[in-house]
C-alpha atoms as a PDB file:
ATOM      1  CA  MET A   1       0.131   0.305  -0.336  1.00  0.00           C
ATOM      2  CA  GLU A   2       3.041   2.454   0.391  1.00  0.00           C
ATOM      3  CA  PHE A   3       4.325   2.074  -1.991  1.00  0.00           C
ATOM      4  CA  LEU A   4       1.159   2.580  -4.457  1.00  0.00           C
ATOM      5  CA  TYR A   5       0.764   6.058  -2.113  1.00  0.00           C
ATOM      6  CA  GLU A   6       4.848   7.288  -3.390  1.00  0.00           C
ATOM      7  CA  TYR A   7       4.114   6.331  -6.811  1.00  0.00           C
ATOM      8  CA  GLY A   8       0.074   7.758  -6.956  1.00  0.00           C
ATOM      9  CA  LEU A   9       2.513  11.119  -5.242  1.00  0.00           C
ATOM     10  CA  PHE A  10       5.217  11.208  -7.827  1.00  0.00           C
ATOM     11  CA  LEU A  11       2.504  10.909 -10.540  1.00  0.00           C
ATOM     12  CA  ALA A  12       0.324  14.176  -8.989  1.00  0.00           C
ATOM     13  CA  LYS A  13       3.156  15.540  -9.443  1.00  0.00           C
ATOM     14  CA  ALA A  14       4.761  14.686 -12.718  1.00  0.00           C
ATOM     15  CA  ILE A  15       1.698  15.836 -14.156  1.00  0.00           C
ATOM     16  CA  THR A  16       1.280  18.838 -12.076  1.00  0.00           C
ATOM     17  CA  LEU A  17       4.674  19.166 -13.799  1.00  0.00           C
ATOM     18  CA  VAL A  18       3.503  18.725 -17.265  1.00  0.00           C
ATOM     19  CA  VAL A  19       0.797  20.573 -16.853  1.00  0.00           C
ATOM     20  CA  ALA A  20       2.307  23.844 -15.449  1.00  0.00           C
ATOM     21  CA  ILE A  21       4.621  23.511 -18.376  1.00  0.00           C
ATOM     22  CA  LEU A  22       1.851  22.860 -20.831  1.00  0.00           C
ATOM     23  CA  ALA A  23       0.811  26.085 -18.727  1.00  0.00           C
ATOM     24  CA  VAL A  24       3.600  28.330 -19.727  1.00  0.00           C
ATOM     25  CA  VAL A  25       3.517  26.918 -23.234  1.00  0.00           C
ATOM     26  CA  VAL A  26       0.646  27.389 -24.205  1.00  0.00           C
ATOM     27  CA  GLY A  27       0.769  31.204 -22.912  1.00  0.00           C
ATOM     28  CA  VAL A  28       3.970  31.519 -24.410  1.00  0.00           C
ATOM     29  CA  LEU A  29       2.370  29.895 -28.073  1.00  0.00           C
ATOM     30  CA  ALA A  30      -0.762  32.625 -27.564  1.00  0.00           C
ATOM     31  CA  ALA A  31       1.565  36.110 -26.541  1.00  0.00           C
ATOM     32  CA  ALA A  32       2.554  34.685 -29.471  1.00  0.00           C
ATOM     33  CA  MET A  33       0.016  34.786 -32.124  1.00  0.00           C
ATOM     34  CA  LYS A  34      -1.305  37.924 -30.091  1.00  0.00           C
ATOM     35  CA  GLN A  35       1.345  39.562 -31.593  1.00  0.00           C
ATOM     36  CA  LYS A  36       1.377  37.907 -34.960  1.00  0.00           C
ATOM     37  CA  SER A  37      -1.771  38.965 -35.743  1.00  0.00           C
ATOM     38  CA  ASP A  38      -1.400  42.351 -35.020  1.00  0.00           C
ATOM     39  CA  LYS A  39       0.825  42.529 -37.857  1.00  0.00           C
ATOM     40  CA  GLY A  40      -0.392  41.437 -41.800  1.00  0.00           C
ATOM     41  CA  GLU A  41       1.148  39.289 -43.830  1.00  0.00           C
ATOM     42  CA  LEU A  42       3.081  41.535 -46.754  1.00  0.00           C
ATOM     43  CA  SER A  43       3.460  40.235 -50.625  1.00  0.00           C
ATOM     44  CA  LEU A  44       4.714  40.448 -54.539  1.00  0.00           C
ATOM     45  CA  THR A  45       3.787  39.685 -57.268  1.00  0.00           C
ATOM     46  CA  HIS A  46       5.410  39.202 -59.991  1.00  0.00           C
ATOM     47  CA  VAL A  47       2.861  39.501 -62.737  1.00  0.00           C
ATOM     48  CA  SER A  48       5.385  39.456 -65.780  1.00  0.00           C
ATOM     49  CA  ASP A  49       6.440  35.964 -65.086  1.00  0.00           C
ATOM     50  CA  ASP A  50       2.724  35.297 -64.109  1.00  0.00           C
ATOM     51  CA  LEU A  51       1.314  36.328 -67.759  1.00  0.00           C
ATOM     52  CA  GLN A  52       4.798  35.291 -69.893  1.00  0.00           C
ATOM     53  CA  GLU A  53       4.298  31.672 -67.742  1.00  0.00           C
ATOM     54  CA  LEU A  54       1.343  31.841 -69.556  1.00  0.00           C
ATOM     55  CA  ALA A  55       1.865  32.933 -72.700  1.00  0.00           C
ATOM     56  CA  HIS A  56       4.627  29.588 -73.018  1.00  0.00           C
ATOM     57  CA  SER A  57       2.217  27.303 -71.807  1.00  0.00           C
ATOM     58  CA  LEU A  58      -0.388  28.278 -74.435  1.00  0.00           C
ATOM     59  CA  LYS A  59       2.190  28.321 -76.926  1.00  0.00           C
ATOM     60  CA  GLN A  60       3.109  24.552 -75.779  1.00  0.00           C
ATOM     61  CA  GLU A  61       0.100  23.092 -76.304  1.00  0.00           C
ATOM     62  CA  LEU A  62      -1.151  25.177 -79.646  1.00  0.00           C
ATOM     63  CA  LEU A  63       2.060  25.433 -81.737  1.00  0.00           C
ATOM     64  CA  PRO A  64       3.434  23.258 -83.708  1.00  0.00           C
ATOM     65  CA  LYS A  65       6.832  21.249 -82.130  1.00  0.00           C
ATOM     66  CA  LYS A  66       9.086  22.517 -84.547  1.00  0.00           C
ATOM     67  CA  GLN A  67       7.619  26.488 -84.283  1.00  0.00           C
ATOM     68  CA  PHE A  68       8.043  25.886 -80.363  1.00  0.00           C
ATOM     69  CA  LYS A  69      10.789  25.138 -80.656  1.00  0.00           C
ATOM     70  CA  ALA A  70      11.882  27.713 -82.494  1.00  0.00           C
ATOM     71  CA  TYR A  71       9.925  29.574 -79.953  1.00  0.00           C
ATOM     72  CA  GLU A  72      11.114  28.221 -77.144  1.00  0.00           C
ATOM     73  CA  LYS A  73      15.748  28.724 -78.378  1.00  0.00           C
ATOM     74  CA  ALA A  74      14.166  32.344 -79.433  1.00  0.00           C
ATOM     75  CA  ARG A  75      12.965  32.995 -75.442  1.00  0.00           C
ATOM     76  CA  LYS A  76      15.359  31.046 -73.710  1.00  0.00           C
ATOM     77  CA  ALA A  77      18.045  34.036 -75.528  1.00  0.00           C
ATOM     78  CA  GLU A  78      15.546  36.720 -74.942  1.00  0.00           C
ATOM     79  CA  LEU A  79      15.564  35.849 -70.820  1.00  0.00           C
ATOM     80  CA  LYS A  80      19.340  34.926 -70.863  1.00  0.00           C
ATOM     81  CA  ALA A  81      20.061  38.743 -72.566  1.00  0.00           C
ATOM     82  CA  LYS A  82      17.704  39.579 -69.596  1.00  0.00           C
ATOM     83  CA  GLU A  83      18.906  38.411 -67.231  1.00  0.00           C
ATOM     84  CA  LYS A  84      22.599  39.291 -67.844  1.00  0.00           C
ATOM     85  CA  GLN A  85      21.058  43.449 -67.854  1.00  0.00           C
ATOM     86  CA  ALA A  86      20.135  43.321 -65.049  1.00  0.00           C
ATOM     87  CA  GLU A  87      22.532  42.271 -63.425  1.00  0.00           C
ATOM     88  CA  THR A  88      24.291  45.417 -64.333  1.00  0.00           C
ATOM     89  CA  GLN A  89      21.354  47.696 -64.358  1.00  0.00           C
ATOM     90  CA  LEU A  90      18.459  47.779 -62.354  1.00  0.00           C
ATOM     91  CA  GLY A  91      14.691  47.600 -64.976  1.00  0.00           C
ATOM     92  CA  LYS A  92      11.450  50.655 -64.698  1.00  0.00           C
ATOM     93  CA  ARG A  93       9.007  48.197 -62.560  1.00  0.00           C
ATOM     94  CA  VAL A  94       5.729  49.254 -62.033  1.00  0.00           C
ATOM     95  CA  PHE A  95       3.292  48.460 -59.040  1.00  0.00           C
ATOM     96  CA  VAL A  96       0.188  47.185 -59.027  1.00  0.00           C
ATOM     97  CA  VAL A  97      -2.292  48.175 -56.140  1.00  0.00           C
ATOM     98  CA  ASP A  98      -6.558  47.258 -55.375  1.00  0.00           C
ATOM     99  CA  PHE A  99      -8.222  49.495 -53.655  1.00  0.00           C
ATOM    100  CA  LYS A 100     -11.498  47.335 -53.775  1.00  0.00           C
ATOM    101  CA  GLY A 101     -13.765  49.706 -50.263  1.00  0.00           C
ATOM    102  CA  SER A 102     -15.851  49.782 -48.374  1.00  0.00           C
ATOM    103  CA  LEU A 103     -18.571  52.952 -46.711  1.00  0.00           C
ATOM    104  CA  ASP A 104     -15.487  53.324 -43.592  1.00  0.00           C
ATOM    105  CA  ALA A 105     -12.709  52.917 -46.250  1.00  0.00           C
ATOM    106  CA  GLY A 106     -11.624  50.645 -43.447  1.00  0.00           C
ATOM    107  CA  GLU A 107      -9.291  49.326 -46.081  1.00  0.00           C
ATOM    108  CA  VAL A 108      -6.489  52.001 -45.655  1.00  0.00           C
ATOM    109  CA  ALA A 109      -5.176  50.582 -43.529  1.00  0.00           C
ATOM    110  CA  SER A 110      -2.994  47.904 -46.530  1.00  0.00           C
ATOM    111  CA  LEU A 111      -2.872  50.655 -48.660  1.00  0.00           C
ATOM    112  CA  ARG A 112      -1.015  52.911 -46.329  1.00  0.00           C
ATOM    113  CA  GLU A 113       1.658  49.791 -46.091  1.00  0.00           C
ATOM    114  CA  GLU A 114       1.480  49.199 -49.737  1.00  0.00           C
ATOM    115  CA  ILE A 115       2.146  52.241 -50.298  1.00  0.00           C
ATOM    116  CA  SER A 116       5.304  52.522 -48.004  1.00  0.00           C
ATOM    117  CA  ALA A 117       6.696  49.465 -48.741  1.00  0.00           C
ATOM    118  CA  ILE A 118       6.890  51.112 -52.620  1.00  0.00           C
ATOM    119  CA  ILE A 119       8.724  54.209 -51.567  1.00  0.00           C
ATOM    120  CA  THR A 120      11.062  52.740 -49.723  1.00  0.00           C
ATOM    121  CA  LEU A 121      11.351  50.087 -52.369  1.00  0.00           C
ATOM    122  CA  ALA A 122      11.044  52.771 -55.325  1.00  0.00           C
ATOM    123  CA  GLU A 123      14.096  53.757 -58.131  1.00  0.00           C
ATOM    124  CA  PRO A 124      13.856  56.990 -60.146  1.00  0.00           C
ATOM    125  CA  GLY A 125      11.974  55.585 -62.622  1.00  0.00           C
ATOM    126  CA  ASP A 126       9.162  53.123 -60.916  1.00  0.00           C
ATOM    127  CA  GLU A 127       6.003  53.919 -61.623  1.00  0.00           C
ATOM    128  CA  VAL A 128       2.829  53.385 -60.057  1.00  0.00           C
ATOM    129  CA  ILE A 129      -0.810  51.793 -60.984  1.00  0.00           C
ATOM    130  CA  ALA A 130      -3.848  51.503 -59.176  1.00  0.00           C
ATOM    131  CA  ASN A 131      -7.340  49.551 -59.284  1.00  0.00           C
ATOM    132  CA  VAL A 132      -9.817  51.822 -57.502  1.00  0.00           C
ATOM    133  CA  GLU A 133     -13.215  50.060 -56.998  1.00  0.00           C
ATOM    134  CA  SER A 134     -15.881  51.958 -54.611  1.00  0.00           C
ATOM    135  CA  GLY A 135     -19.005  53.625 -54.850  1.00  0.00           C
ATOM    136  CA  GLY A 136     -17.291  55.833 -51.657  1.00  0.00           C
ATOM    137  CA  GLY A 137     -18.374  56.731 -47.857  1.00  0.00           C
ATOM    138  CA  MET A 138     -17.388  58.532 -44.661  1.00  0.00           C
ATOM    139  CA  VAL A 139     -14.911  61.551 -45.916  1.00  0.00           C
ATOM    140  CA  HIS A 140     -12.529  61.435 -43.491  1.00  0.00           C
ATOM    141  CA  GLY A 141     -11.763  57.933 -44.678  1.00  0.00           C
ATOM    142  CA  TYR A 142     -10.964  58.359 -48.412  1.00  0.00           C
ATOM    143  CA  GLY A 143      -9.907  61.525 -47.937  1.00  0.00           C
ATOM    144  CA  LEU A 144      -7.061  59.428 -45.507  1.00  0.00           C
ATOM    145  CA  ALA A 145      -7.018  57.121 -48.426  1.00  0.00           C
ATOM    146  CA  SER A 146      -6.632  60.103 -51.218  1.00  0.00           C
ATOM    147  CA  SER A 147      -3.958  61.376 -49.183  1.00  0.00           C
ATOM    148  CA  GLN A 148      -1.888  57.762 -49.332  1.00  0.00           C
ATOM    149  CA  LEU A 149      -2.093  58.126 -52.675  1.00  0.00           C
ATOM    150  CA  ASP A 150      -0.203  61.859 -52.964  1.00  0.00           C
ATOM    151  CA  ARG A 151       2.196  60.819 -50.888  1.00  0.00           C
ATOM    152  CA  LEU A 152       3.324  58.289 -53.706  1.00  0.00           C
ATOM    153  CA  ARG A 153       2.933  62.303 -55.754  1.00  0.00           C
ATOM    154  CA  GLN A 154       5.190  64.094 -53.489  1.00  0.00           C
ATOM    155  CA  ALA A 155       7.838  61.034 -53.300  1.00  0.00           C
ATOM    156  CA  ASN A 156       8.530  61.507 -57.615  1.00  0.00           C
ATOM    157  CA  ILE A 157       6.282  57.753 -58.974  1.00  0.00           C
ATOM    158  CA  HIS A 158       4.137  58.611 -61.452  1.00  0.00           C
ATOM    159  CA  LEU A 159       1.015  57.160 -60.777  1.00  0.00           C
ATOM    160  CA  SER A 160      -1.799  55.723 -62.699  1.00  0.00           C
ATOM    161  CA  VAL A 161      -4.942  54.980 -61.652  1.00  0.00           C
ATOM    162  CA  CYS A 162      -7.282  52.084 -63.473  1.00  0.00           C
ATOM    163  CA  ILE A 163     -11.313  52.072 -63.152  1.00  0.00           C
ATOM    164  CA  ASP A 164     -13.252  49.326 -64.721  1.00  0.00           C
ATOM    165  CA  LYS A 165     -15.654  49.091 -62.536  1.00  0.00           C
ATOM    166  CA  VAL A 166     -17.148  52.187 -60.013  1.00  0.00           C
ATOM    167  CA  ALA A 167     -15.542  55.167 -58.462  1.00  0.00           C
ATOM    168  CA  ALA A 168     -17.461  57.547 -57.079  1.00  0.00           C
ATOM    169  CA  SER A 169     -17.593  60.189 -54.945  1.00  0.00           C
ATOM    170  CA  GLY A 170     -15.403  59.399 -52.445  1.00  0.00           C
ATOM    171  CA  GLY A 171     -13.942  56.789 -54.889  1.00  0.00           C
ATOM    172  CA  TYR A 172     -13.157  59.696 -57.733  1.00  0.00           C
ATOM    173  CA  MET A 173     -11.689  61.449 -54.247  1.00  0.00           C
ATOM    174  CA  MET A 174      -9.284  58.647 -54.497  1.00  0.00           C
ATOM    175  CA  ALA A 175      -8.934  58.823 -58.318  1.00  0.00           C
ATOM    176  CA  CYS A 176      -8.392  62.782 -59.783  1.00  0.00           C
ATOM    177  CA  VAL A 177      -4.738  61.802 -57.428  1.00  0.00           C
ATOM    178  CA  ALA A 178      -3.447  60.715 -60.037  1.00  0.00           C
ATOM    179  CA  ASN A 179      -1.314  61.599 -62.832  1.00  0.00           C
ATOM    180  CA  LYS A 180      -2.958  58.972 -65.466  1.00  0.00           C
ATOM    181  CA  VAL A 181      -7.011  58.338 -65.082  1.00  0.00           C
ATOM    182  CA  TYR A 182      -7.817  55.268 -66.944  1.00  0.00           C
ATOM    183  CA  ALA A 183     -11.142  54.122 -67.239  1.00  0.00           C
ATOM    184  CA  ALA A 184     -13.288  50.617 -68.533  1.00  0.00           C
ATOM    185  CA  PRO A 185     -16.014  52.293 -71.199  1.00  0.00           C
ATOM    186  CA  PHE A 186     -19.296  51.853 -68.237  1.00  0.00           C
ATOM    187  CA  ALA A 187     -16.935  52.707 -65.195  1.00  0.00           C
ATOM    188  CA  ILE A 188     -18.832  54.838 -63.136  1.00  0.00           C
ATOM    189  CA  VAL A 189     -17.099  58.155 -62.732  1.00  0.00           C
ATOM    190  CA  GLY A 190     -17.753  60.923 -60.442  1.00  0.00           C
ATOM    191  CA  SER A 191     -20.747  62.053 -58.169  1.00  0.00           C
ATOM    192  CA  ILE A 192     -18.908  65.317 -56.541  1.00  0.00           C
ATOM    193  CA  GLY A 193     -20.974  65.633 -53.928  1.00  0.00           C
ATOM    194  CA  VAL A 194     -22.429  65.296 -50.458  1.00  0.00           C
ATOM    195  CA  VAL A 195     -24.856  63.623 -49.110  1.00  0.00           C
ATOM    196  CA  ALA A 196     -25.757  62.560 -44.691  1.00  0.00           C
ATOM    197  CA  GLN A 197     -29.716  61.491 -44.203  1.00  0.00           C
ATOM    198  CA  LEU A 198     -30.983  59.888 -41.022  1.00  0.00           C
ATOM    199  CA  PRO A 199     -34.285  59.019 -40.037  1.00  0.00           C
ATOM    200  CA  ASN A 200     -35.795  60.952 -37.089  1.00  0.00           C
ATOM    201  CA  PHE A 201     -38.302  58.711 -34.504  1.00  0.00           C
ATOM    202  CA  ASN A 202     -39.462  62.004 -32.312  1.00  0.00           C
ATOM    203  CA  ARG A 203     -42.754  61.751 -32.847  1.00  0.00           C
ATOM    204  CA  LEU A 204     -43.297  58.053 -32.396  1.00  0.00           C
ATOM    205  CA  LEU A 205     -42.007  58.561 -29.400  1.00  0.00           C
ATOM    206  CA  LYS A 206     -44.193  61.026 -28.412  1.00  0.00           C
ATOM    207  CA  LYS A 207     -46.781  59.182 -29.147  1.00  0.00           C
ATOM    208  CA  HIS A 208     -45.394  56.539 -27.085  1.00  0.00           C
ATOM    209  CA  GLU A 209     -45.216  58.944 -24.183  1.00  0.00           C
ATOM    210  CA  ILE A 210     -41.381  58.457 -24.068  1.00  0.00           C
ATOM    211  CA  ASP A 211     -39.079  60.917 -23.423  1.00  0.00           C
ATOM    212  CA  TYR A 212     -36.491  61.694 -24.265  1.00  0.00           C
ATOM    213  CA  GLU A 213     -33.405  64.467 -22.995  1.00  0.00           C
ATOM    214  CA  GLN A 214     -29.931  64.994 -24.685  1.00  0.00           C
ATOM    215  CA  HIS A 215     -27.726  67.929 -23.728  1.00  0.00           C
ATOM    216  CA  THR A 216     -24.896  69.299 -24.950  1.00  0.00           C
ATOM    217  CA  ALA A 217     -22.373  71.921 -24.272  1.00  0.00           C
ATOM    218  CA  GLY A 218     -21.877  73.837 -27.727  1.00  0.00           C
ATOM    219  CA  ASP A 219     -25.089  75.435 -29.812  1.00  0.00           C
ATOM    220  CA  PHE A 220     -24.582  73.584 -32.585  1.00  0.00           C
ATOM    221  CA  LYS A 221     -22.874  70.661 -30.959  1.00  0.00           C
ATOM    222  CA  ARG A 222     -25.550  68.405 -31.578  1.00  0.00           C
ATOM    223  CA  THR A 223     -27.964  70.391 -35.438  1.00  0.00           C
ATOM    224  CA  LEU A 224     -30.131  67.170 -36.330  1.00  0.00           C
ATOM    225  CA  THR A 225     -30.895  63.700 -34.065  1.00  0.00           C
ATOM    226  CA  LEU A 226     -32.513  60.551 -34.736  1.00  0.00           C
ATOM    227  CA  PHE A 227     -34.692  60.523 -31.788  1.00  0.00           C
ATOM    228  CA  GLY A 228     -34.771  64.663 -30.741  1.00  0.00           C
ATOM    229  CA  GLU A 229     -36.416  67.354 -31.857  1.00  0.00           C
ATOM    230  CA  ASN A 230     -34.834  68.958 -34.905  1.00  0.00           C
ATOM    231  CA  THR A 231     -34.920  72.670 -35.693  1.00  0.00           C
ATOM    232  CA  ASP A 232     -34.720  74.911 -38.437  1.00  0.00           C
ATOM    233  CA  GLU A 233     -31.881  76.153 -36.356  1.00  0.00           C
ATOM    234  CA  GLY A 234     -30.013  72.777 -36.946  1.00  0.00           C
ATOM    235  CA  ARG A 235     -31.581  72.168 -40.240  1.00  0.00           C
ATOM    236  CA  GLU A 236     -30.353  74.409 -41.357  1.00  0.00           C
ATOM    237  CA  LYS A 237     -26.323  74.305 -40.045  1.00  0.00           C
ATOM    238  CA  PHE A 238     -26.648  70.794 -41.525  1.00  0.00           C
ATOM    239  CA  ARG A 239     -27.385  72.070 -44.763  1.00  0.00           C
ATOM    240  CA  GLN A 240     -24.366  74.268 -44.208  1.00  0.00           C
ATOM    241  CA  GLU A 241     -21.608  72.026 -43.137  1.00  0.00           C
ATOM    242  CA  LEU A 242     -22.994  69.125 -46.027  1.00  0.00           C
ATOM    243  CA  GLU A 243     -22.104  72.863 -48.424  1.00  0.00           C
ATOM    244  CA  GLU A 244     -19.238  73.558 -46.809  1.00  0.00           C
ATOM    245  CA  THR A 245     -17.683  69.828 -46.989  1.00  0.00           C
ATOM    246  CA  HIS A 246     -18.503  70.419 -50.878  1.00  0.00           C
ATOM    247  CA  VAL A 247     -16.298  73.096 -51.158  1.00  0.00           C
ATOM    248  CA  LEU A 248     -13.922  71.451 -50.392  1.00  0.00           C
ATOM    249  CA  PHE A 249     -14.059  68.420 -52.038  1.00  0.00           C
ATOM    250  CA  LYS A 250     -14.734  70.872 -55.108  1.00  0.00           C
ATOM    251  CA  LYS A 251     -11.763  72.262 -54.491  1.00  0.00           C
ATOM    252  CA  PHE A 252      -9.846  69.216 -53.960  1.00  0.00           C
ATOM    253  CA  VAL A 253     -10.778  67.518 -57.493  1.00  0.00           C
ATOM    254  CA  SER A 254      -9.692  71.503 -59.531  1.00  0.00           C
ATOM    255  CA  HIS A 255      -5.657  71.038 -57.677  1.00  0.00           C
ATOM    256  CA  TYR A 256      -5.763  67.928 -59.664  1.00  0.00           C
ATOM    257  CA  ARG A 257      -7.441  68.596 -62.992  1.00  0.00           C
ATOM    258  CA  PRO A 258      -7.156  72.246 -62.790  1.00  0.00           C
ATOM    259  CA  ALA A 259      -8.610  72.163 -66.200  1.00  0.00           C
ATOM    260  CA  LEU A 260     -12.385  70.424 -65.248  1.00  0.00           C
ATOM    261  CA  ASP A 261     -15.340  72.327 -65.634  1.00  0.00           C
ATOM    262  CA  LEU A 262     -16.373  71.900 -62.269  1.00  0.00           C
ATOM    263  CA  ALA A 263     -19.795  74.437 -62.329  1.00  0.00           C
ATOM    264  CA  LYS A 264     -19.755  70.905 -64.880  1.00  0.00           C
ATOM    265  CA  VAL A 265     -19.429  67.683 -62.923  1.00  0.00           C
ATOM    266  CA  ALA A 266     -19.635  68.549 -59.744  1.00  0.00           C
ATOM    267  CA  THR A 267     -24.066  68.143 -59.699  1.00  0.00           C
ATOM    268  CA  GLY A 268     -23.320  65.224 -58.002  1.00  0.00           C
ATOM    269  CA  GLU A 269     -24.079  63.089 -60.612  1.00  0.00           C
ATOM    270  CA  HIS A 270     -22.337  60.526 -62.437  1.00  0.00           C
ATOM    271  CA  TRP A 271     -20.880  59.263 -66.048  1.00  0.00           C
ATOM    272  CA  TYR A 272     -19.754  56.453 -67.371  1.00  0.00           C
ATOM    273  CA  GLY A 273     -16.663  56.161 -69.031  1.00  0.00           C
ATOM    274  CA  LYS A 274     -17.611  57.426 -72.821  1.00  0.00           C
ATOM    275  CA  GLN A 275     -19.261  60.020 -71.282  1.00  0.00           C
ATOM    276  CA  ALA A 276     -16.137  61.535 -68.400  1.00  0.00           C
ATOM    277  CA  ILE A 277     -13.393  61.038 -70.230  1.00  0.00           C
ATOM    278  CA  GLU A 278     -15.855  64.243 -73.044  1.00  0.00           C
ATOM    279  CA  LEU A 279     -16.097  65.715 -69.286  1.00  0.00           C
ATOM    280  CA  GLY A 280     -12.453  65.496 -68.365  1.00  0.00           C
ATOM    281  CA  LEU A 281     -13.105  63.593 -65.485  1.00  0.00           C
ATOM    282  CA  ILE A 282     -10.893  60.391 -67.242  1.00  0.00           C
ATOM    283  CA  ASP A 283      -7.604  60.603 -69.889  1.00  0.00           C
ATOM    284  CA  GLU A 284      -8.195  57.391 -71.781  1.00  0.00           C
ATOM    285  CA  ILE A 285     -11.012  54.618 -72.451  1.00  0.00           C
ATOM    286  CA  ALA A 286      -9.127  51.009 -70.370  1.00  0.00           C
ATOM    287  CA  THR A 287      -8.636  48.458 -67.937  1.00  0.00           C
ATOM    288  CA  SER A 288      -6.867  47.295 -65.921  1.00  0.00           C
ATOM    289  CA  ASP A 289      -5.731  44.146 -67.192  1.00  0.00           C
ATOM    290  CA  ASP A 290      -5.197  46.322 -70.873  1.00  0.00           C
ATOM    291  CA  VAL A 291      -3.371  48.805 -68.928  1.00  0.00           C
ATOM    292  CA  ILE A 292      -1.089  45.870 -66.724  1.00  0.00           C
ATOM    293  CA  MET A 293      -0.195  43.807 -69.466  1.00  0.00           C
ATOM    294  CA  ALA A 294       1.114  47.003 -72.264  1.00  0.00           C
ATOM    295  CA  GLN A 295       2.986  47.952 -68.642  1.00  0.00           C
ATOM    296  CA  ALA A 296       3.917  43.828 -68.538  1.00  0.00           C
ATOM    297  CA  LYS A 297       5.338  43.644 -72.771  1.00  0.00           C
ATOM    298  CA  ALA A 298       8.465  46.420 -71.881  1.00  0.00           C
ATOM    299  CA  HIS A 299       9.328  45.911 -68.416  1.00  0.00           C
ATOM    300  CA  THR A 300       8.933  43.944 -64.984  1.00  0.00           C
ATOM    301  CA  VAL A 301       4.809  44.494 -62.988  1.00  0.00           C
ATOM    302  CA  ILE A 302       4.838  43.602 -59.358  1.00  0.00           C
ATOM    303  CA  LYS A 303       1.371  43.704 -57.510  1.00  0.00           C
ATOM    304  CA  VAL A 304       2.436  44.683 -53.941  1.00  0.00           C
ATOM    305  CA  ARG A 305      -0.955  43.144 -51.478  1.00  0.00           C
ATOM    306  CA  TYR A 306      -0.674  44.140 -47.116  1.00  0.00           C
ATOM    307  CA  GLN A 307      -3.270  41.864 -45.925  1.00  0.00           C
ATOM    308  CA  LEU A 308      -4.473  42.137 -42.670  1.00  0.00           C
ATOM    309  CA  LYS A 309      -4.986  39.550 -40.181  1.00  0.00           C
ATOM    310  CA  LYS A 310      -8.446  40.371 -38.827  1.00  0.00           C
ATOM    311  CA  LYS A 311     -10.414  38.911 -35.703  1.00  0.00           C
ATOM    312  CA  LEU A 312     -14.044  37.132 -36.571  1.00  0.00           C
ATOM    313  CA  ALA A 313     -15.725  40.016 -35.402  1.00  0.00           C
ATOM    314  CA  ASP A 314     -13.241  42.411 -37.255  1.00  0.00           C
ATOM    315  CA  LYS A 315     -14.176  40.661 -40.102  1.00  0.00           C
ATOM    316  CA  LEU A 316     -17.782  39.500 -39.654  1.00  0.00           C
ATOM    317  CA  ALA A 317     -18.168  43.973 -38.839  1.00  0.00           C
ATOM    318  CA  HIS A 318     -16.124  43.947 -42.297  1.00  0.00           C
ATOM    319  CA  GLY A 319     -18.392  41.694 -44.426  1.00  0.00           C
ATOM    320  CA  VAL A 320     -21.660  43.550 -43.772  1.00  0.00           C
ATOM    321  CA  SER A 321     -19.644  46.438 -43.904  1.00  0.00           C
ATOM    322  CA  LEU A 322     -19.081  44.875 -47.761  1.00  0.00           C
ATOM    323  CA  SER A 323     -22.549  43.406 -47.864  1.00  0.00           C
ATOM    324  CA  VAL A 324     -23.947  47.041 -47.266  1.00  0.00           C
ATOM    325  CA  ASN A 325     -21.254  49.050 -50.200  1.00  0.00           C
ATOM    326  CA  ALA A 326     -22.526  46.225 -52.503  1.00  0.00           C
ATOM    327  CA  ILE A 327     -25.796  46.980 -52.831  1.00  0.00           C
ATOM    328  CA  PHE A 328     -24.502  50.594 -53.031  1.00  0.00           C
ATOM    329  CA  ASN A 329     -22.672  49.756 -55.698  1.00  0.00           C
ATOM    330  CA  ARG A 330     -25.706  47.850 -57.642  1.00  0.00           C
ATOM    331  CA  LEU A 331     -27.317  50.783 -57.294  1.00  0.00           C
ATOM    332  CA  MET A 332     -24.947  52.717 -58.994  1.00  0.00           C
ATOM    333  CA  GLU A 333     -24.655  50.428 -62.137  1.00  0.00           C
ATOM    334  CA  LYS A 334     -28.019  49.378 -62.263  1.00  0.00           C
ATOM    335  CA  ASN A 335     -27.979  50.069 -66.666  1.00  0.00           C
ATOM    336  CA  ARG A 336     -30.577  52.017 -68.075  1.00  0.00           C
ATOM    337  CA  PRO A 337     -33.751  50.075 -69.823  1.00  0.00           C
ATOM    338  CA  LEU A 338     -32.408  50.383 -73.776  1.00  0.00           C
END
């Protein structure tokens, strides 16, 4: 019995020690994972190489053996010459970033990291292509996103923006920063205006004899509210703030595209690509694929992507925001009856 007692005591101590070690290990791993989750991951994809590999695979399938051998021989010689040139001379590089914006422009966190990386890497003569897709959203979010693109221009890096589907309101605020703006023929462009709307439940609360109190310091700390009784003075101040924001928006667009007739284009309307080029909102009709493939023929094209690792709650919130934004974009993109 004494042996069993001693053995049981030893086993209990061993288990306690193992559990303690596991607890420490789990704690360290959790801390490491938390630290890692706070950061994102930067990835570089050589678009030029991918396109060359695609062309090589297609020609291997489609060309007769004799023609393919001749093509492969010429290709190897070309690659060898490029490698030799790369040893002494760094060729022009074109960096590509994507921005698919939600209502709060939360994607600016990744855009910031991508642009910082490009500015760090870029050499004189390098360029950037930004694919922008957004129907707009919060002023401060898209103001920051536009400022991030402006960092490239301040660094003397040529910036092109491609609009394949929609760059309206805050989306166009970003696009107009570019040295050159491309748009697909039926992409939605413009909407240089400001909108704000909210319901008011004050009468409903009164009907059910529910009191609502709001206390502020400052006459216009709150102009319009959801539950309080709105005043004509509050409405007027709210409209004044919208107009001030619109004036700032117009000045911002005019700074980057001074040739625009703001009286025509800053009405809050949007146009398709074919109309937008006539108004001077864009510079050329082309899709992002056209622009990127043209650059890849002569230069090295590299796609830069920074992906933040999000928690489940953030993913759900972001998903809801994207869903709302997608509905708005679909409404914007809705075709007129033929």
